[in-house]
Amino acid sequence: MMHLMGNLEGEALDRLTATRRQRGSPTPEVEEMLAIVGVLWDEDNEEYFSVDAVLRRVEEETIKKYSKSPYIEE
């Protein structure tokens, strides 16, 4: 289910990014609503991103990195 949500999230972010690139920045009210749900504009990459998706990736990488114990043979 999370994979499906990631796909939907990615598609929605892609549409938001395309719209902003075509029409320019949305109103401050729209930007504020997006920020409230954790969607922010990346000035460097010029695209919207989800804070939740970034945090999810960081968590997965951290778990993978630190879950390996030197005392357990694989």
PDB file of N, CA and C in Angstrom:
ATOM      1  N   MET A   1       0.822  -1.194   0.000  1.00  0.00           N
ATOM      2  CA  MET A   1       0.000   0.000   0.000  1.00  0.00           C
ATOM      3  C   MET A   1       0.869   1.262   0.000  1.00  0.00           C
ATOM      4  N   MET A   2       1.970   1.242   0.755  1.00  0.00           N
ATOM      5  CA  MET A   2       2.847   2.410   0.799  1.00  0.00           C
ATOM      6  C   MET A   2       3.441   2.696  -0.572  1.00  0.00           C
ATOM      7  N   HIS A   3       3.742   1.619  -1.348  1.00  0.00           N
ATOM      8  CA  HIS A   3       4.294   1.813  -2.685  1.00  0.00           C
ATOM      9  C   HIS A   3       3.280   2.550  -3.560  1.00  0.00           C
ATOM     10  N   LEU A   4       1.995   2.169  -3.465  1.00  0.00           N
ATOM     11  CA  LEU A   4       0.939   2.829  -4.224  1.00  0.00           C
ATOM     12  C   LEU A   4       0.836   4.288  -3.813  1.00  0.00           C
ATOM     13  N   MET A   5       0.885   4.554  -2.527  1.00  0.00           N
ATOM     14  CA  MET A   5       0.819   5.939  -2.050  1.00  0.00           C
ATOM     15  C   MET A   5       2.005   6.744  -2.574  1.00  0.00           C
ATOM     16  N   GLY A   6       3.175   6.131  -2.604  1.00  0.00           N
ATOM     17  CA  GLY A   6       4.352   6.812  -3.128  1.00  0.00           C
ATOM     18  C   GLY A   6       4.179   7.178  -4.588  1.00  0.00           C
ATOM     19  N   ASN A   7       3.566   6.254  -5.367  1.00  0.00           N
ATOM     20  CA  ASN A   7       3.318   6.540  -6.778  1.00  0.00           C
ATOM     21  C   ASN A   7       2.342   7.689  -6.942  1.00  0.00           C
ATOM     22  N   LEU A   8       1.259   7.662  -6.175  1.00  0.00           N
ATOM     23  CA  LEU A   8       0.279   8.742  -6.255  1.00  0.00           C
ATOM     24  C   LEU A   8       0.907  10.061  -5.825  1.00  0.00           C
ATOM     25  N   GLU A   9       1.683  10.006  -4.775  1.00  0.00           N
ATOM     26  CA  GLU A   9       2.350  11.200  -4.287  1.00  0.00           C
ATOM     27  C   GLU A   9       3.295  11.750  -5.351  1.00  0.00           C
ATOM     28  N   GLY A  10       4.058  10.877  -5.979  1.00  0.00           N
ATOM     29  CA  GLY A  10       4.995  11.286  -7.015  1.00  0.00           C
ATOM     30  C   GLY A  10       4.294  11.913  -8.208  1.00  0.00           C
ATOM     31  N   GLU A  11       3.187  11.294  -8.633  1.00  0.00           N
ATOM     32  CA  GLU A  11       2.427  11.825  -9.758  1.00  0.00           C
ATOM     33  C   GLU A  11       1.844  13.192  -9.431  1.00  0.00           C
ATOM     34  N   ALA A  12       1.319  13.337  -8.239  1.00  0.00           N
ATOM     35  CA  ALA A  12       0.745  14.625  -7.832  1.00  0.00           C
ATOM     36  C   ALA A  12       1.828  15.697  -7.759  1.00  0.00           C
ATOM     37  N   LEU A  13       2.976  15.337  -7.205  1.00  0.00           N
ATOM     38  CA  LEU A  13       4.081  16.299  -7.128  1.00  0.00           C
ATOM     39  C   LEU A  13       4.565  16.681  -8.521  1.00  0.00           C
ATOM     40  N   ASP A  14       4.602  15.714  -9.428  1.00  0.00           N
ATOM     41  CA  ASP A  14       4.998  16.004 -10.810  1.00  0.00           C
ATOM     42  C   ASP A  14       4.026  16.979 -11.470  1.00  0.00           C
ATOM     43  N   ARG A  15       2.737  16.782 -11.236  1.00  0.00           N
ATOM     44  CA  ARG A  15       1.731  17.690 -11.812  1.00  0.00           C
ATOM     45  C   ARG A  15       1.854  19.084 -11.209  1.00  0.00           C
ATOM     46  N   LEU A  16       2.036  19.154  -9.898  1.00  0.00           N
ATOM     47  CA  LEU A  16       2.223  20.459  -9.255  1.00  0.00           C
ATOM     48  C   LEU A  16       3.449  21.178  -9.816  1.00  0.00           C
ATOM     49  N   THR A  17       4.535  20.431  -9.972  1.00  0.00           N
ATOM     50  CA  THR A  17       5.779  21.008 -10.507  1.00  0.00           C
ATOM     51  C   THR A  17       5.565  21.519 -11.927  1.00  0.00           C
ATOM     52  N   ALA A  18       4.927  20.715 -12.771  1.00  0.00           N
ATOM     53  CA  ALA A  18       4.689  21.114 -14.161  1.00  0.00           C
ATOM     54  C   ALA A  18       3.822  22.364 -14.223  1.00  0.00           C
ATOM     55  N   THR A  19       2.798  22.414 -13.383  1.00  0.00           N
ATOM     56  CA  THR A  19       1.914  23.583 -13.362  1.00  0.00           C
ATOM     57  C   THR A  19       2.674  24.828 -12.928  1.00  0.00           C
ATOM     58  N   ARG A  20       3.501  24.710 -11.915  1.00  0.00           N
ATOM     59  CA  ARG A  20       4.265  25.871 -11.455  1.00  0.00           C
ATOM     60  C   ARG A  20       5.245  26.339 -12.530  1.00  0.00           C
ATOM     61  N   ARG A  21       5.876  25.403 -13.209  1.00  0.00           N
ATOM     62  CA  ARG A  21       6.824  25.778 -14.266  1.00  0.00           C
ATOM     63  C   ARG A  21       6.117  26.484 -15.424  1.00  0.00           C
ATOM     64  N   GLN A  22       4.884  26.077 -15.719  1.00  0.00           N
ATOM     65  CA  GLN A  22       4.132  26.677 -16.824  1.00  0.00           C
ATOM     66  C   GLN A  22       3.498  28.010 -16.448  1.00  0.00           C
ATOM     67  N   ARG A  23       2.937  28.086 -15.243  1.00  0.00           N
ATOM     68  CA  ARG A  23       2.125  29.242 -14.863  1.00  0.00           C
ATOM     69  C   ARG A  23       2.763  30.158 -13.833  1.00  0.00           C
ATOM     70  N   GLY A  24       3.889  29.745 -13.290  1.00  0.00           N
ATOM     71  CA  GLY A  24       4.526  30.546 -12.255  1.00  0.00           C
ATOM     72  C   GLY A  24       4.077  30.144 -10.863  1.00  0.00           C
ATOM     73  N   SER A  25       4.569  30.856  -9.890  1.00  0.00           N
ATOM     74  CA  SER A  25       4.284  30.535  -8.490  1.00  0.00           C
ATOM     75  C   SER A  25       2.804  30.694  -8.170  1.00  0.00           C
ATOM     76  N   PRO A  26       2.285  29.783  -7.351  1.00  0.00           N
ATOM     77  CA  PRO A  26       0.895  29.927  -6.910  1.00  0.00           C
ATOM     78  C   PRO A  26       0.770  31.065  -5.901  1.00  0.00           C
ATOM     79  N   THR A  27      -0.431  31.362  -5.540  1.00  0.00           N
ATOM     80  CA  THR A  27      -0.670  32.428  -4.562  1.00  0.00           C
ATOM     81  C   THR A  27      -0.059  32.033  -3.218  1.00  0.00           C
ATOM     82  N   PRO A  28       0.217  33.007  -2.371  1.00  0.00           N
ATOM     83  CA  PRO A  28       0.746  32.689  -1.035  1.00  0.00           C
ATOM     84  C   PRO A  28      -0.168  31.755  -0.240  1.00  0.00           C
ATOM     85  N   GLU A  29      -1.473  31.888  -0.440  1.00  0.00           N
ATOM     86  CA  GLU A  29      -2.410  31.014   0.274  1.00  0.00           C
ATOM     87  C   GLU A  29      -2.229  29.557  -0.140  1.00  0.00           C
ATOM     88  N   VAL A  30      -2.039  29.322  -1.431  1.00  0.00           N
ATOM     89  CA  VAL A  30      -1.832  27.951  -1.920  1.00  0.00           C
ATOM     90  C   VAL A  30      -0.496  27.419  -1.418  1.00  0.00           C
ATOM     91  N   GLU A  31       0.536  28.230  -1.477  1.00  0.00           N
ATOM     92  CA  GLU A  31       1.848  27.817  -0.958  1.00  0.00           C
ATOM     93  C   GLU A  31       1.748  27.450   0.522  1.00  0.00           C
ATOM     94  N   GLU A  32       0.990  28.231   1.267  1.00  0.00           N
ATOM     95  CA  GLU A  32       0.827  27.953   2.700  1.00  0.00           C
ATOM     96  C   GLU A  32       0.098  26.630   2.922  1.00  0.00           C
ATOM     97  N   MET A  33      -0.941  26.375   2.130  1.00  0.00           N
ATOM     98  CA  MET A  33      -1.667  25.105   2.270  1.00  0.00           C
ATOM     99  C   MET A  33      -0.769  23.923   1.917  1.00  0.00           C
ATOM    100  N   LEU A  34       0.030  24.066   0.874  1.00  0.00           N
ATOM    101  CA  LEU A  34       0.958  22.997   0.516  1.00  0.00           C
ATOM    102  C   LEU A  34       1.969  22.756   1.636  1.00  0.00           C
ATOM    103  N   ALA A  35       2.478  23.837   2.213  1.00  0.00           N
ATOM    104  CA  ALA A  35       3.444  23.708   3.310  1.00  0.00           C
ATOM    105  C   ALA A  35       2.822  23.016   4.520  1.00  0.00           C
ATOM    106  N   ILE A  36       1.572  23.303   4.778  1.00  0.00           N
ATOM    107  CA  ILE A  36       0.879  22.679   5.917  1.00  0.00           C
ATOM    108  C   ILE A  36       0.836  21.164   5.762  1.00  0.00           C
ATOM    109  N   VAL A  37       0.668  20.676   4.521  1.00  0.00           N
ATOM    110  CA  VAL A  37       0.617  19.224   4.301  1.00  0.00           C
ATOM    111  C   VAL A  37       1.989  18.641   3.991  1.00  0.00           C
ATOM    112  N   GLY A  38       3.032  19.464   4.086  1.00  0.00           N
ATOM    113  CA  GLY A  38       4.397  18.969   3.944  1.00  0.00           C
ATOM    114  C   GLY A  38       4.909  18.918   2.523  1.00  0.00           C
ATOM    115  N   VAL A  39       4.375  19.770   1.655  1.00  0.00           N
ATOM    116  CA  VAL A  39       4.842  19.845   0.271  1.00  0.00           C
ATOM    117  C   VAL A  39       5.511  21.198   0.089  1.00  0.00           C
ATOM    118  N   LEU A  40       6.798  21.165  -0.244  1.00  0.00           N
ATOM    119  CA  LEU A  40       7.579  22.395  -0.349  1.00  0.00           C
ATOM    120  C   LEU A  40       8.238  22.488  -1.714  1.00  0.00           C
ATOM    121  N   TRP A  41       8.601  23.707  -2.112  1.00  0.00           N
ATOM    122  CA  TRP A  41       9.271  23.957  -3.386  1.00  0.00           C
ATOM    123  C   TRP A  41      10.773  23.952  -3.167  1.00  0.00           C
ATOM    124  N   ASP A  42      11.483  23.159  -3.953  1.00  0.00           N
ATOM    125  CA  ASP A  42      12.942  23.090  -3.904  1.00  0.00           C
ATOM    126  C   ASP A  42      13.486  24.084  -4.922  1.00  0.00           C
ATOM    127  N   GLU A  43      14.064  25.172  -4.444  1.00  0.00           N
ATOM    128  CA  GLU A  43      14.585  26.226  -5.321  1.00  0.00           C
ATOM    129  C   GLU A  43      15.723  25.729  -6.201  1.00  0.00           C
ATOM    130  N   ASP A  44      16.569  24.846  -5.672  1.00  0.00           N
ATOM    131  CA  ASP A  44      17.721  24.354  -6.428  1.00  0.00           C
ATOM    132  C   ASP A  44      17.299  23.456  -7.594  1.00  0.00           C
ATOM    133  N   ASN A  45      16.435  22.494  -7.309  1.00  0.00           N
ATOM    134  CA  ASN A  45      15.997  21.547  -8.338  1.00  0.00           C
ATOM    135  C   ASN A  45      14.744  22.000  -9.074  1.00  0.00           C
ATOM    136  N   GLU A  46      14.170  23.091  -8.609  1.00  0.00           N
ATOM    137  CA  GLU A  46      12.945  23.655  -9.177  1.00  0.00           C
ATOM    138  C   GLU A  46      11.851  22.607  -9.329  1.00  0.00           C
ATOM    139  N   GLU A  47      11.514  21.991  -8.182  1.00  0.00           N
ATOM    140  CA  GLU A  47      10.439  21.008  -8.149  1.00  0.00           C
ATOM    141  C   GLU A  47       9.866  20.931  -6.741  1.00  0.00           C
ATOM    142  N   TYR A  48       8.615  20.468  -6.674  1.00  0.00           N
ATOM    143  CA  TYR A  48       8.000  20.236  -5.370  1.00  0.00           C
ATOM    144  C   TYR A  48       8.500  18.913  -4.819  1.00  0.00           C
ATOM    145  N   PHE A  49       8.585  18.836  -3.493  1.00  0.00           N
ATOM    146  CA  PHE A  49       8.947  17.584  -2.834  1.00  0.00           C
ATOM    147  C   PHE A  49       8.123  17.428  -1.572  1.00  0.00           C
ATOM    148  N   SER A  50       8.011  16.200  -1.145  1.00  0.00           N
ATOM    149  CA  SER A  50       7.264  15.868   0.063  1.00  0.00           C
ATOM    150  C   SER A  50       8.226  15.682   1.222  1.00  0.00           C
ATOM    151  N   VAL A  51       8.018  16.427   2.269  1.00  0.00           N
ATOM    152  CA  VAL A  51       8.845  16.282   3.463  1.00  0.00           C
ATOM    153  C   VAL A  51       8.695  14.867   4.017  1.00  0.00           C
ATOM    154  N   ASP A  52       7.484  14.322   3.994  1.00  0.00           N
ATOM    155  CA  ASP A  52       7.260  12.959   4.483  1.00  0.00           C
ATOM    156  C   ASP A  52       8.077  11.946   3.697  1.00  0.00           C
ATOM    157  N   ALA A  53       8.145  12.102   2.380  1.00  0.00           N
ATOM    158  CA  ALA A  53       8.913  11.167   1.554  1.00  0.00           C
ATOM    159  C   ALA A  53      10.398  11.255   1.884  1.00  0.00           C
ATOM    160  N   VAL A  54      10.895  12.452   2.091  1.00  0.00           N
ATOM    161  CA  VAL A  54      12.309  12.629   2.442  1.00  0.00           C
ATOM    162  C   VAL A  54      12.596  11.978   3.791  1.00  0.00           C
ATOM    163  N   LEU A  55      11.736  12.229   4.764  1.00  0.00           N
ATOM    164  CA  LEU A  55      11.932  11.641   6.092  1.00  0.00           C
ATOM    165  C   LEU A  55      11.840  10.119   6.049  1.00  0.00           C
ATOM    166  N   ARG A  56      10.939   9.590   5.217  1.00  0.00           N
ATOM    167  CA  ARG A  56      10.804   8.141   5.071  1.00  0.00           C
ATOM    168  C   ARG A  56      12.100   7.537   4.532  1.00  0.00           C
ATOM    169  N   ARG A  57      12.682   8.173   3.496  1.00  0.00           N
ATOM    170  CA  ARG A  57      13.944   7.673   2.926  1.00  0.00           C
ATOM    171  C   ARG A  57      15.081   7.733   3.943  1.00  0.00           C
ATOM    172  N   VAL A  58      15.151   8.829   4.692  1.00  0.00           N
ATOM    173  CA  VAL A  58      16.201   8.965   5.707  1.00  0.00           C
ATOM    174  C   VAL A  58      16.045   7.882   6.763  1.00  0.00           C
ATOM    175  N   GLU A  59      14.809   7.642   7.193  1.00  0.00           N
ATOM    176  CA  GLU A  59      14.559   6.611   8.192  1.00  0.00           C
ATOM    177  C   GLU A  59      14.962   5.228   7.670  1.00  0.00           C
ATOM    178  N   GLU A  60      14.578   4.915   6.435  1.00  0.00           N
ATOM    179  CA  GLU A  60      14.921   3.612   5.858  1.00  0.00           C
ATOM    180  C   GLU A  60      16.434   3.437   5.753  1.00  0.00           C
ATOM    181  N   GLU A  61      17.125   4.469   5.301  1.00  0.00           N
ATOM    182  CA  GLU A  61      18.586   4.393   5.177  1.00  0.00           C
ATOM    183  C   GLU A  61      19.260   4.257   6.537  1.00  0.00           C
ATOM    184  N   THR A  62      18.750   4.969   7.525  1.00  0.00           N
ATOM    185  CA  THR A  62      19.310   4.904   8.876  1.00  0.00           C
ATOM    186  C   THR A  62      19.112   3.521   9.474  1.00  0.00           C
ATOM    187  N   ILE A  63      17.919   2.978   9.306  1.00  0.00           N
ATOM    188  CA  ILE A  63      17.649   1.633   9.828  1.00  0.00           C
ATOM    189  C   ILE A  63      18.557   0.618   9.154  1.00  0.00           C
ATOM    190  N   LYS A  64      18.679   0.724   7.836  1.00  0.00           N
ATOM    191  CA  LYS A  64      19.531  -0.211   7.100  1.00  0.00           C
ATOM    192  C   LYS A  64      20.987  -0.096   7.560  1.00  0.00           C
ATOM    193  N   LYS A  65      21.453   1.130   7.734  1.00  0.00           N
ATOM    194  CA  LYS A  65      22.845   1.355   8.110  1.00  0.00           C
ATOM    195  C   LYS A  65      23.156   0.862   9.520  1.00  0.00           C
ATOM    196  N   TYR A  66      22.274   1.130  10.466  1.00  0.00           N
ATOM    197  CA  TYR A  66      22.574   0.831  11.865  1.00  0.00           C
ATOM    198  C   TYR A  66      21.954  -0.458  12.387  1.00  0.00           C
ATOM    199  N   SER A  67      21.196  -1.159  11.561  1.00  0.00           N
ATOM    200  CA  SER A  67      20.594  -2.403  12.046  1.00  0.00           C
ATOM    201  C   SER A  67      21.543  -3.585  11.922  1.00  0.00           C
ATOM    202  N   LYS A  68      22.633  -3.402  11.218  1.00  0.00           N
ATOM    203  CA  LYS A  68      23.619  -4.478  11.099  1.00  0.00           C
ATOM    204  C   LYS A  68      24.501  -4.495  12.340  1.00  0.00           C
ATOM    205  N   SER A  69      24.483  -5.618  12.996  1.00  0.00           N
ATOM    206  CA  SER A  69      25.274  -5.763  14.201  1.00  0.00           C
ATOM    207  C   SER A  69      26.567  -6.499  13.878  1.00  0.00           C
ATOM    208  N   PRO A  70      27.683  -6.033  14.394  1.00  0.00           N
ATOM    209  CA  PRO A  70      28.949  -6.732  14.156  1.00  0.00           C
ATOM    210  C   PRO A  70      28.995  -8.079  14.869  1.00  0.00           C
ATOM    211  N   TYR A  71      28.037  -8.339  15.763  1.00  0.00           N
ATOM    212  CA  TYR A  71      28.019  -9.577  16.536  1.00  0.00           C
ATOM    213  C   TYR A  71      27.181 -10.665  15.907  1.00  0.00           C
ATOM    214  N   ILE A  72      26.482 -10.320  14.814  1.00  0.00           N
ATOM    215  CA  ILE A  72      25.621 -11.297  14.173  1.00  0.00           C
ATOM    216  C   ILE A  72      26.231 -11.642  12.806  1.00  0.00           C
ATOM    217  N   GLU A  73      26.421 -12.914  12.579  1.00  0.00           N
ATOM    218  CA  GLU A  73      26.951 -13.340  11.286  1.00  0.00           C
ATOM    219  C   GLU A  73      25.792 -13.463  10.305  1.00  0.00           C
ATOM    220  N   GLU A  74      26.048 -13.045   9.087  1.00  0.00           N
ATOM    221  CA  GLU A  74      24.992 -13.140   8.067  1.00  0.00           C
ATOM    222  C   GLU A  74      25.210 -14.340   7.203  1.00  0.00           C
TER     223      GLU A  74
END
